[in-house]
Amino acid sequence: MKKSKLSFYFVFIAFFTFISIFFTIVQTSYSNLIGPVKKVQESSLIKPINPKLDTDILDQIQNRPDYQDDNINLSNSSIENSTP
């Protein structure tokens, strides 16, 4: 009598252990499948590119004082006078 009761408990525990491991694997697999898709959809870096070129912005960049040709002095004197 005790033997059949003991085997019933082992079957009962084995069944619920199998079910819990199965659902854990399914949940992890689903999370790995859907997780990257959600990250791509939520990413703010992925935006459609506007193919129209705004020439006004290019003119503003060229007129900035940082990018004027007068400020650039390329002299070879500093290169020639340096010693290795």
PDB file of N, CA and C in Angstrom:
ATOM      1  N   MET A   1       0.806  -1.185   0.000  1.00  0.00           N
ATOM      2  CA  MET A   1       0.000   0.000   0.000  1.00  0.00           C
ATOM      3  C   MET A   1       0.857   1.260   0.000  1.00  0.00           C
ATOM      4  N   LYS A   2       1.871   1.256   0.827  1.00  0.00           N
ATOM      5  CA  LYS A   2       2.740   2.430   0.869  1.00  0.00           C
ATOM      6  C   LYS A   2       3.493   2.625  -0.442  1.00  0.00           C
ATOM      7  N   LYS A   3       3.787   1.509  -1.092  1.00  0.00           N
ATOM      8  CA  LYS A   3       4.546   1.597  -2.326  1.00  0.00           C
ATOM      9  C   LYS A   3       3.758   2.325  -3.412  1.00  0.00           C
ATOM     10  N   SER A   4       2.490   2.060  -3.556  1.00  0.00           N
ATOM     11  CA  SER A   4       1.683   2.725  -4.571  1.00  0.00           C
ATOM     12  C   SER A   4       1.486   4.201  -4.244  1.00  0.00           C
ATOM     13  N   LYS A   5       1.372   4.542  -2.969  1.00  0.00           N
ATOM     14  CA  LYS A   5       1.233   5.934  -2.575  1.00  0.00           C
ATOM     15  C   LYS A   5       2.509   6.717  -2.885  1.00  0.00           C
ATOM     16  N   LEU A   6       3.636   6.092  -2.638  1.00  0.00           N
ATOM     17  CA  LEU A   6       4.913   6.734  -2.897  1.00  0.00           C
ATOM     18  C   LEU A   6       5.119   6.959  -4.389  1.00  0.00           C
ATOM     19  N   SER A   7       4.766   6.016  -5.211  1.00  0.00           N
ATOM     20  CA  SER A   7       4.926   6.176  -6.651  1.00  0.00           C
ATOM     21  C   SER A   7       3.954   7.228  -7.195  1.00  0.00           C
ATOM     22  N   PHE A   8       2.757   7.357  -6.599  1.00  0.00           N
ATOM     23  CA  PHE A   8       1.823   8.394  -7.024  1.00  0.00           C
ATOM     24  C   PHE A   8       2.414   9.782  -6.793  1.00  0.00           C
ATOM     25  N   TYR A   9       3.065   9.983  -5.646  1.00  0.00           N
ATOM     26  CA  TYR A   9       3.680  11.275  -5.364  1.00  0.00           C
ATOM     27  C   TYR A   9       4.823  11.577  -6.332  1.00  0.00           C
ATOM     28  N   PHE A  10       5.605  10.571  -6.681  1.00  0.00           N
ATOM     29  CA  PHE A  10       6.685  10.777  -7.640  1.00  0.00           C
ATOM     30  C   PHE A  10       6.141  11.151  -9.019  1.00  0.00           C
ATOM     31  N   VAL A  11       5.076  10.482  -9.434  1.00  0.00           N
ATOM     32  CA  VAL A  11       4.455  10.811 -10.719  1.00  0.00           C
ATOM     33  C   VAL A  11       3.860  12.217 -10.678  1.00  0.00           C
ATOM     34  N   PHE A  12       3.223  12.555  -9.594  1.00  0.00           N
ATOM     35  CA  PHE A  12       2.629  13.870  -9.424  1.00  0.00           C
ATOM     36  C   PHE A  12       3.699  14.966  -9.487  1.00  0.00           C
ATOM     37  N   ILE A  13       4.779  14.796  -8.758  1.00  0.00           N
ATOM     38  CA  ILE A  13       5.865  15.794  -8.746  1.00  0.00           C
ATOM     39  C   ILE A  13       6.563  15.837 -10.099  1.00  0.00           C
ATOM     40  N   ALA A  14       6.773  14.699 -10.721  1.00  0.00           N
ATOM     41  CA  ALA A  14       7.421  14.657 -12.029  1.00  0.00           C
ATOM     42  C   ALA A  14       6.573  15.363 -13.083  1.00  0.00           C
ATOM     43  N   PHE A  15       5.259  15.159 -13.024  1.00  0.00           N
ATOM     44  CA  PHE A  15       4.372  15.802 -13.987  1.00  0.00           C
ATOM     45  C   PHE A  15       4.418  17.320 -13.859  1.00  0.00           C
ATOM     46  N   PHE A  16       4.287  17.857 -12.655  1.00  0.00           N
ATOM     47  CA  PHE A  16       4.310  19.307 -12.478  1.00  0.00           C
ATOM     48  C   PHE A  16       5.697  19.903 -12.728  1.00  0.00           C
ATOM     49  N   THR A  17       6.733  19.134 -12.469  1.00  0.00           N
ATOM     50  CA  THR A  17       8.073  19.602 -12.807  1.00  0.00           C
ATOM     51  C   THR A  17       8.239  19.707 -14.315  1.00  0.00           C
ATOM     52  N   PHE A  18       7.762  18.710 -15.033  1.00  0.00           N
ATOM     53  CA  PHE A  18       7.828  18.737 -16.491  1.00  0.00           C
ATOM     54  C   PHE A  18       7.030  19.907 -17.060  1.00  0.00           C
ATOM     55  N   ILE A  19       5.829  20.122 -16.542  1.00  0.00           N
ATOM     56  CA  ILE A  19       4.994  21.230 -17.024  1.00  0.00           C
ATOM     57  C   ILE A  19       5.666  22.566 -16.745  1.00  0.00           C
ATOM     58  N   SER A  20       6.222  22.750 -15.565  1.00  0.00           N
ATOM     59  CA  SER A  20       6.856  24.034 -15.240  1.00  0.00           C
ATOM     60  C   SER A  20       8.106  24.271 -16.078  1.00  0.00           C
ATOM     61  N   ILE A  21       8.901  23.237 -16.319  1.00  0.00           N
ATOM     62  CA  ILE A  21      10.085  23.395 -17.175  1.00  0.00           C
ATOM     63  C   ILE A  21       9.662  23.685 -18.611  1.00  0.00           C
ATOM     64  N   PHE A  22       8.627  23.021 -19.084  1.00  0.00           N
ATOM     65  CA  PHE A  22       8.131  23.252 -20.436  1.00  0.00           C
ATOM     66  C   PHE A  22       7.667  24.695 -20.613  1.00  0.00           C
ATOM     67  N   PHE A  23       6.870  25.205 -19.687  1.00  0.00           N
ATOM     68  CA  PHE A  23       6.394  26.584 -19.795  1.00  0.00           C
ATOM     69  C   PHE A  23       7.523  27.599 -19.642  1.00  0.00           C
ATOM     70  N   THR A  24       8.514  27.295 -18.849  1.00  0.00           N
ATOM     71  CA  THR A  24       9.669  28.187 -18.718  1.00  0.00           C
ATOM     72  C   THR A  24      10.429  28.275 -20.035  1.00  0.00           C
ATOM     73  N   ILE A  25      10.634  27.159 -20.690  1.00  0.00           N
ATOM     74  CA  ILE A  25      11.329  27.153 -21.984  1.00  0.00           C
ATOM     75  C   ILE A  25      10.515  27.889 -23.041  1.00  0.00           C
ATOM     76  N   VAL A  26       9.210  27.669 -23.068  1.00  0.00           N
ATOM     77  CA  VAL A  26       8.358  28.349 -24.043  1.00  0.00           C
ATOM     78  C   VAL A  26       8.360  29.854 -23.790  1.00  0.00           C
ATOM     79  N   GLN A  27       8.267  30.275 -22.547  1.00  0.00           N
ATOM     80  CA  GLN A  27       8.257  31.698 -22.219  1.00  0.00           C
ATOM     81  C   GLN A  27       9.589  32.351 -22.590  1.00  0.00           C
ATOM     82  N   THR A  28      10.705  31.706 -22.308  1.00  0.00           N
ATOM     83  CA  THR A  28      12.012  32.251 -22.650  1.00  0.00           C
ATOM     84  C   THR A  28      12.195  32.342 -24.158  1.00  0.00           C
ATOM     85  N   SER A  29      11.765  31.333 -24.872  1.00  0.00           N
ATOM     86  CA  SER A  29      11.871  31.347 -26.334  1.00  0.00           C
ATOM     87  C   SER A  29      11.023  32.461 -26.930  1.00  0.00           C
ATOM     88  N   TYR A  30       9.823  32.625 -26.437  1.00  0.00           N
ATOM     89  CA  TYR A  30       8.951  33.687 -26.932  1.00  0.00           C
ATOM     90  C   TYR A  30       9.534  35.068 -26.617  1.00  0.00           C
ATOM     91  N   SER A  31      10.104  35.214 -25.438  1.00  0.00           N
ATOM     92  CA  SER A  31      10.709  36.489 -25.061  1.00  0.00           C
ATOM     93  C   SER A  31      11.902  36.808 -25.952  1.00  0.00           C
ATOM     94  N   ASN A  32      12.712  35.804 -26.258  1.00  0.00           N
ATOM     95  CA  ASN A  32      13.859  36.020 -27.144  1.00  0.00           C
ATOM     96  C   ASN A  32      13.428  36.316 -28.567  1.00  0.00           C
ATOM     97  N   LEU A  33      12.293  35.813 -28.977  1.00  0.00           N
ATOM     98  CA  LEU A  33      11.794  36.060 -30.321  1.00  0.00           C
ATOM     99  C   LEU A  33      11.182  37.444 -30.450  1.00  0.00           C
ATOM    100  N   ILE A  34      10.397  37.866 -29.476  1.00  0.00           N
ATOM    101  CA  ILE A  34       9.661  39.119 -29.557  1.00  0.00           C
ATOM    102  C   ILE A  34      10.486  40.299 -29.045  1.00  0.00           C
ATOM    103  N   GLY A  35      11.415  40.087 -28.136  1.00  0.00           N
ATOM    104  CA  GLY A  35      12.194  41.174 -27.543  1.00  0.00           C
ATOM    105  C   GLY A  35      12.912  42.049 -28.553  1.00  0.00           C
ATOM    106  N   PRO A  36      13.699  41.494 -29.493  1.00  0.00           N
ATOM    107  CA  PRO A  36      14.383  42.344 -30.470  1.00  0.00           C
ATOM    108  C   PRO A  36      13.431  43.106 -31.379  1.00  0.00           C
ATOM    109  N   VAL A  37      12.276  42.529 -31.677  1.00  0.00           N
ATOM    110  CA  VAL A  37      11.309  43.219 -32.532  1.00  0.00           C
ATOM    111  C   VAL A  37      10.773  44.460 -31.822  1.00  0.00           C
ATOM    112  N   LYS A  38      10.494  44.350 -30.537  1.00  0.00           N
ATOM    113  CA  LYS A  38      10.001  45.496 -29.785  1.00  0.00           C
ATOM    114  C   LYS A  38      11.064  46.577 -29.662  1.00  0.00           C
ATOM    115  N   LYS A  39      12.329  46.185 -29.502  1.00  0.00           N
ATOM    116  CA  LYS A  39      13.405  47.167 -29.400  1.00  0.00           C
ATOM    117  C   LYS A  39      13.555  47.954 -30.692  1.00  0.00           C
ATOM    118  N   VAL A  40      13.404  47.289 -31.828  1.00  0.00           N
ATOM    119  CA  VAL A  40      13.523  47.966 -33.114  1.00  0.00           C
ATOM    120  C   VAL A  40      12.355  48.922 -33.304  1.00  0.00           C
ATOM    121  N   GLN A  41      11.167  48.530 -32.915  1.00  0.00           N
ATOM    122  CA  GLN A  41      10.003  49.385 -33.078  1.00  0.00           C
ATOM    123  C   GLN A  41      10.068  50.599 -32.163  1.00  0.00           C
ATOM    124  N   GLU A  42      10.660  50.463 -30.974  1.00  0.00           N
ATOM    125  CA  GLU A  42      10.725  51.556 -30.029  1.00  0.00           C
ATOM    126  C   GLU A  42      11.934  52.454 -30.251  1.00  0.00           C
ATOM    127  N   SER A  43      12.866  52.043 -31.077  1.00  0.00           N
ATOM    128  CA  SER A  43      14.103  52.798 -31.270  1.00  0.00           C
ATOM    129  C   SER A  43      13.801  54.128 -31.951  1.00  0.00           C
ATOM    130  N   SER A  44      14.327  55.190 -31.369  1.00  0.00           N
ATOM    131  CA  SER A  44      14.119  56.513 -31.957  1.00  0.00           C
ATOM    132  C   SER A  44      15.153  56.826 -33.022  1.00  0.00           C
ATOM    133  N   LEU A  45      16.182  55.994 -33.144  1.00  0.00           N
ATOM    134  CA  LEU A  45      17.217  56.237 -34.142  1.00  0.00           C
ATOM    135  C   LEU A  45      16.786  55.809 -35.537  1.00  0.00           C
ATOM    136  N   ILE A  46      15.843  54.913 -35.605  1.00  0.00           N
ATOM    137  CA  ILE A  46      15.397  54.433 -36.907  1.00  0.00           C
ATOM    138  C   ILE A  46      14.247  55.321 -37.371  1.00  0.00           C
ATOM    139  N   LYS A  47      14.572  56.209 -38.283  1.00  0.00           N
ATOM    140  CA  LYS A  47      13.579  57.121 -38.845  1.00  0.00           C
ATOM    141  C   LYS A  47      13.732  57.114 -40.358  1.00  0.00           C
ATOM    142  N   PRO A  48      12.680  57.378 -41.079  1.00  0.00           N
ATOM    143  CA  PRO A  48      12.827  57.441 -42.534  1.00  0.00           C
ATOM    144  C   PRO A  48      13.681  58.654 -42.932  1.00  0.00           C
ATOM    145  N   ILE A  49      14.483  58.472 -43.957  1.00  0.00           N
ATOM    146  CA  ILE A  49      15.370  59.533 -44.432  1.00  0.00           C
ATOM    147  C   ILE A  49      14.619  60.399 -45.425  1.00  0.00           C
ATOM    148  N   ASN A  50      14.762  61.708 -45.256  1.00  0.00           N
ATOM    149  CA  ASN A  50      14.152  62.654 -46.171  1.00  0.00           C
ATOM    150  C   ASN A  50      15.104  62.859 -47.346  1.00  0.00           C
ATOM    151  N   PRO A  51      14.718  62.475 -48.570  1.00  0.00           N
ATOM    152  CA  PRO A  51      15.645  62.578 -49.698  1.00  0.00           C
ATOM    153  C   PRO A  51      15.812  64.000 -50.246  1.00  0.00           C
ATOM    154  N   LYS A  52      15.016  64.951 -49.793  1.00  0.00           N
ATOM    155  CA  LYS A  52      15.123  66.324 -50.297  1.00  0.00           C
ATOM    156  C   LYS A  52      16.293  67.020 -49.623  1.00  0.00           C
ATOM    157  N   LEU A  53      17.126  67.656 -50.428  1.00  0.00           N
ATOM    158  CA  LEU A  53      18.293  68.361 -49.918  1.00  0.00           C
ATOM    159  C   LEU A  53      17.903  69.810 -49.641  1.00  0.00           C
ATOM    160  N   ASP A  54      18.109  70.245 -48.418  1.00  0.00           N
ATOM    161  CA  ASP A  54      17.795  71.616 -48.036  1.00  0.00           C
ATOM    162  C   ASP A  54      19.047  72.463 -48.229  1.00  0.00           C
ATOM    163  N   THR A  55      19.062  73.228 -49.315  1.00  0.00           N
ATOM    164  CA  THR A  55      20.254  74.019 -49.646  1.00  0.00           C
ATOM    165  C   THR A  55      20.418  75.224 -48.726  1.00  0.00           C
ATOM    166  N   ASP A  56      19.364  75.673 -48.086  1.00  0.00           N
ATOM    167  CA  ASP A  56      19.490  76.793 -47.145  1.00  0.00           C
ATOM    168  C   ASP A  56      20.375  76.411 -45.960  1.00  0.00           C
ATOM    169  N   ILE A  57      20.265  75.190 -45.512  1.00  0.00           N
ATOM    170  CA  ILE A  57      21.101  74.719 -44.401  1.00  0.00           C
ATOM    171  C   ILE A  57      22.561  74.679 -44.838  1.00  0.00           C
ATOM    172  N   LEU A  58      22.824  74.254 -46.065  1.00  0.00           N
ATOM    173  CA  LEU A  58      24.207  74.220 -46.548  1.00  0.00           C
ATOM    174  C   LEU A  58      24.792  75.622 -46.622  1.00  0.00           C
ATOM    175  N   ASP A  59      23.990  76.589 -47.040  1.00  0.00           N
ATOM    176  CA  ASP A  59      24.461  77.979 -47.074  1.00  0.00           C
ATOM    177  C   ASP A  59      24.748  78.500 -45.667  1.00  0.00           C
ATOM    178  N   GLN A  60      23.921  78.145 -44.715  1.00  0.00           N
ATOM    179  CA  GLN A  60      24.165  78.569 -43.335  1.00  0.00           C
ATOM    180  C   GLN A  60      25.448  77.956 -42.789  1.00  0.00           C
ATOM    181  N   ILE A  61      25.712  76.716 -43.125  1.00  0.00           N
ATOM    182  CA  ILE A  61      26.939  76.072 -42.659  1.00  0.00           C
ATOM    183  C   ILE A  61      28.159  76.724 -43.285  1.00  0.00           C
ATOM    184  N   GLN A  62      28.094  77.061 -44.555  1.00  0.00           N
ATOM    185  CA  GLN A  62      29.229  77.692 -45.224  1.00  0.00           C
ATOM    186  C   GLN A  62      29.481  79.106 -44.711  1.00  0.00           C
ATOM    187  N   ASN A  63      28.456  79.789 -44.248  1.00  0.00           N
ATOM    188  CA  ASN A  63      28.613  81.155 -43.769  1.00  0.00           C
ATOM    189  C   ASN A  63      29.011  81.236 -42.299  1.00  0.00           C
ATOM    190  N   ARG A  64      29.067  80.132 -41.619  1.00  0.00           N
ATOM    191  CA  ARG A  64      29.498  80.156 -40.222  1.00  0.00           C
ATOM    192  C   ARG A  64      30.975  80.512 -40.145  1.00  0.00           C
ATOM    193  N   PRO A  65      31.369  81.216 -39.105  1.00  0.00           N
ATOM    194  CA  PRO A  65      32.776  81.629 -39.011  1.00  0.00           C
ATOM    195  C   PRO A  65      33.742  80.465 -38.818  1.00  0.00           C
ATOM    196  N   ASP A  66      33.280  79.335 -38.349  1.00  0.00           N
ATOM    197  CA  ASP A  66      34.165  78.191 -38.149  1.00  0.00           C
ATOM    198  C   ASP A  66      34.653  77.600 -39.470  1.00  0.00           C
ATOM    199  N   TYR A  67      33.884  77.763 -40.521  1.00  0.00           N
ATOM    200  CA  TYR A  67      34.190  77.098 -41.775  1.00  0.00           C
ATOM    201  C   TYR A  67      34.593  78.062 -42.884  1.00  0.00           C
ATOM    202  N   GLN A  68      35.031  79.222 -42.576  1.00  0.00           N
ATOM    203  CA  GLN A  68      35.485  80.144 -43.612  1.00  0.00           C
ATOM    204  C   GLN A  68      36.931  79.827 -43.968  1.00  0.00           C
ATOM    205  N   ASP A  69      37.283  80.034 -45.228  1.00  0.00           N
ATOM    206  CA  ASP A  69      38.613  79.691 -45.712  1.00  0.00           C
ATOM    207  C   ASP A  69      39.688  80.636 -45.190  1.00  0.00           C
ATOM    208  N   ASP A  70      39.326  81.825 -44.762  1.00  0.00           N
ATOM    209  CA  ASP A  70      40.316  82.786 -44.289  1.00  0.00           C
ATOM    210  C   ASP A  70      40.956  82.352 -42.973  1.00  0.00           C
ATOM    211  N   ASN A  71      40.289  81.600 -42.199  1.00  0.00           N
ATOM    212  CA  ASN A  71      40.802  81.189 -40.900  1.00  0.00           C
ATOM    213  C   ASN A  71      41.797  80.034 -40.988  1.00  0.00           C
ATOM    214  N   ILE A  72      41.870  79.404 -42.128  1.00  0.00           N
ATOM    215  CA  ILE A  72      42.742  78.235 -42.265  1.00  0.00           C
ATOM    216  C   ILE A  72      44.084  78.690 -42.827  1.00  0.00           C
ATOM    217  N   ASN A  73      45.149  78.511 -42.075  1.00  0.00           N
ATOM    218  CA  ASN A  73      46.497  78.844 -42.522  1.00  0.00           C
ATOM    219  C   ASN A  73      47.302  77.557 -42.568  1.00  0.00           C
ATOM    220  N   LEU A  74      47.637  77.164 -43.755  1.00  0.00           N
ATOM    221  CA  LEU A  74      48.436  75.964 -43.918  1.00  0.00           C
ATOM    222  C   LEU A  74      49.859  76.385 -44.277  1.00  0.00           C
ATOM    223  N   SER A  75      50.663  76.545 -43.287  1.00  0.00           N
ATOM    224  CA  SER A  75      52.038  76.913 -43.549  1.00  0.00           C
ATOM    225  C   SER A  75      52.941  75.738 -43.246  1.00  0.00           C
ATOM    226  N   ASN A  76      53.931  75.543 -44.036  1.00  0.00           N
ATOM    227  CA  ASN A  76      54.860  74.446 -43.884  1.00  0.00           C
ATOM    228  C   ASN A  76      56.012  74.800 -42.954  1.00  0.00           C
ATOM    229  N   SER A  77      56.047  76.023 -42.461  1.00  0.00           N
ATOM    230  CA  SER A  77      57.159  76.445 -41.627  1.00  0.00           C
ATOM    231  C   SER A  77      57.203  75.661 -40.306  1.00  0.00           C
ATOM    232  N   SER A  78      56.077  75.364 -39.743  1.00  0.00           N
ATOM    233  CA  SER A  78      56.085  74.605 -38.489  1.00  0.00           C
ATOM    234  C   SER A  78      56.527  73.170 -38.731  1.00  0.00           C
ATOM    235  N   ILE A  79      56.253  72.632 -39.888  1.00  0.00           N
ATOM    236  CA  ILE A  79      56.668  71.268 -40.221  1.00  0.00           C
ATOM    237  C   ILE A  79      58.161  71.216 -40.509  1.00  0.00           C
ATOM    238  N   GLU A  80      58.659  72.244 -41.222  1.00  0.00           N
ATOM    239  CA  GLU A  80      60.072  72.250 -41.605  1.00  0.00           C
ATOM    240  C   GLU A  80      60.980  72.464 -40.397  1.00  0.00           C
ATOM    241  N   ASN A  81      60.540  73.262 -39.421  1.00  0.00           N
ATOM    242  CA  ASN A  81      61.376  73.598 -38.272  1.00  0.00           C
ATOM    243  C   ASN A  81      61.339  72.540 -37.170  1.00  0.00           C
ATOM    244  N   SER A  82      60.483  71.577 -37.272  1.00  0.00           N
ATOM    245  CA  SER A  82      60.405  70.579 -36.215  1.00  0.00           C
ATOM    246  C   SER A  82      61.529  69.555 -36.388  1.00  0.00           C
ATOM    247  N   THR A  83      62.028  69.071 -35.280  1.00  0.00           N
ATOM    248  CA  THR A  83      63.086  68.061 -35.309  1.00  0.00           C
ATOM    249  C   THR A  83      62.510  66.731 -34.860  1.00  0.00           C
ATOM    250  N   PRO A  84      62.917  65.656 -35.498  1.00  0.00           N
ATOM    251  CA  PRO A  84      62.371  64.348 -35.126  1.00  0.00           C
ATOM    252  C   PRO A  84      62.948  63.809 -33.840  1.00  0.00           C
TER     253      PRO A  84
END
